[in-house]
Protein backbone atom coordinates (compact mmCIF):
# COMPACT_ATOMS: atom_id res chain seq x y z
CA MET A 1 -29.45 3.23 -23.99
CA LYS A 2 -26.45 0.89 -24.31
CA LYS A 3 -25.40 -0.87 -21.53
CA LEU A 4 -20.81 -0.17 -21.68
CA THR A 5 -19.07 -2.83 -20.32
CA SER A 6 -15.86 -1.67 -21.33
CA GLY A 7 -13.76 1.55 -21.24
CA GLN A 8 -13.08 4.62 -19.18
CA LEU A 9 -16.57 5.06 -18.06
CA VAL A 10 -16.64 1.69 -16.87
CA THR A 11 -13.15 2.20 -15.74
CA ASP A 12 -14.34 5.00 -13.48
CA TRP A 13 -17.68 4.27 -12.49
CA GLY A 14 -18.70 0.44 -13.02
CA GLU A 15 -20.95 -1.18 -15.82
CA GLY A 16 -23.94 0.46 -16.59
CA TYR A 17 -25.79 3.45 -19.11
CA PHE A 18 -24.35 6.68 -19.47
CA ILE A 19 -26.48 9.99 -20.60
CA CYS A 20 -23.23 12.38 -22.67
CA MET A 21 -24.63 15.46 -22.67
CA ASN A 22 -22.58 18.60 -24.53
CA TRP A 23 -23.39 22.73 -23.93
CA THR A 24 -22.92 25.15 -25.99
CA ASN A 25 -24.19 28.83 -26.08
CA TRP A 26 -24.06 30.66 -22.96
CA ASP A 27 -26.72 33.62 -22.62
CA ALA A 28 -24.65 36.74 -21.11
CA SER A 29 -26.31 37.34 -18.12
CA ILE A 30 -25.76 33.43 -16.95
CA ASN A 31 -23.14 33.14 -14.17
CA SER A 32 -23.69 29.53 -13.01
CA ILE A 33 -25.07 25.91 -15.16
CA LYS A 34 -25.34 22.99 -12.50
CA VAL A 35 -25.81 19.76 -14.40
CA GLY A 36 -26.38 16.47 -13.29
CA VAL A 37 -28.74 13.35 -12.98
CA VAL A 38 -30.77 13.22 -9.79
CA PRO A 39 -30.68 11.12 -7.34
CA SER A 40 -26.84 10.94 -8.80
CA GLU A 41 -24.64 7.32 -7.32
CA GLY A 42 -22.45 9.21 -8.21
CA SER A 43 -20.74 13.07 -9.25
CA GLY A 44 -23.90 15.06 -8.57
CA MET A 45 -24.47 17.89 -9.78
CA ILE A 46 -21.80 19.80 -11.75
CA GLU A 47 -20.50 22.76 -11.94
CA ALA A 48 -21.06 23.04 -16.25
CA TYR A 49 -20.23 27.04 -16.96
CA GLY A 50 -16.80 27.20 -16.68
CA ASP A 51 -16.33 24.42 -18.75
CA LEU A 52 -14.03 25.57 -21.37
CA THR A 53 -12.15 23.08 -22.80
CA ASP A 54 -15.04 20.25 -24.53
CA HIS A 55 -18.39 21.68 -22.75
CA ASN A 56 -19.22 17.64 -22.42
CA GLY A 57 -20.76 16.30 -19.54
CA VAL A 58 -21.57 11.87 -18.71
CA PHE A 59 -23.67 10.50 -15.76
CA LYS A 60 -24.19 7.91 -15.09
CA VAL A 61 -27.92 6.54 -15.04
CA THR A 62 -28.65 4.00 -12.31
CA ASP A 63 -32.37 3.43 -12.17
CA LYS A 64 -34.42 5.36 -14.98
CA ASN A 65 -37.72 5.54 -13.37
CA ARG A 66 -36.38 7.65 -10.02
CA GLN A 67 -34.10 9.71 -11.83
CA ASP A 68 -33.84 12.88 -13.43
CA LEU A 69 -31.82 15.25 -15.63
CA VAL A 70 -31.37 18.14 -13.88
CA ILE A 71 -29.89 21.54 -15.37
CA ILE A 72 -30.07 24.83 -12.96
CA GLN A 73 -28.91 28.58 -14.54
CA SER A 74 -28.48 31.13 -11.84
CA THR A 75 -28.13 34.37 -13.52
CA SER A 76 -25.97 37.55 -12.11
CA ALA A 77 -28.94 38.50 -11.06
CA GLY A 78 -29.41 35.87 -8.74
CA LYS A 79 -32.54 34.22 -10.29
CA ASN A 80 -32.78 30.65 -11.17
CA VAL A 81 -33.82 28.77 -13.88
CA THR A 82 -34.38 24.74 -13.14
CA GLN A 83 -35.27 22.12 -16.29
CA THR A 84 -35.87 18.67 -15.37
CA TRP A 85 -36.34 15.83 -17.76
CA ASP A 86 -37.97 12.92 -16.94
CA LEU A 87 -35.76 9.65 -18.06
CA SER A 88 -37.72 7.38 -17.87
CA GLY A 89 -38.95 7.12 -21.24
CA LEU A 90 -35.75 6.11 -22.45
CA THR A 91 -34.87 2.30 -23.80
CA LEU A 92 -31.97 0.84 -22.28
CA GLN A 93 -30.25 -2.27 -24.23
């Protein structure tokens, strides 16, 4: 990941490293998808399911050795599925 020092993300959140996600192909049984970098220095977990405009999310990575990318899917049957990705393997430039 390359450090951003200018642009809209820097204007909103300050210089740093950012991870971008694009989500598509919803399962019909899912009624909520929350996505975020945990622990978060800013936006926390956001609701991704209702994002019908661009299907994108951007999250600031402030400590790759302490933060994880987390996705929580909730189904209409009340079941939650959590997926967690360790960010410590990222290479920061």
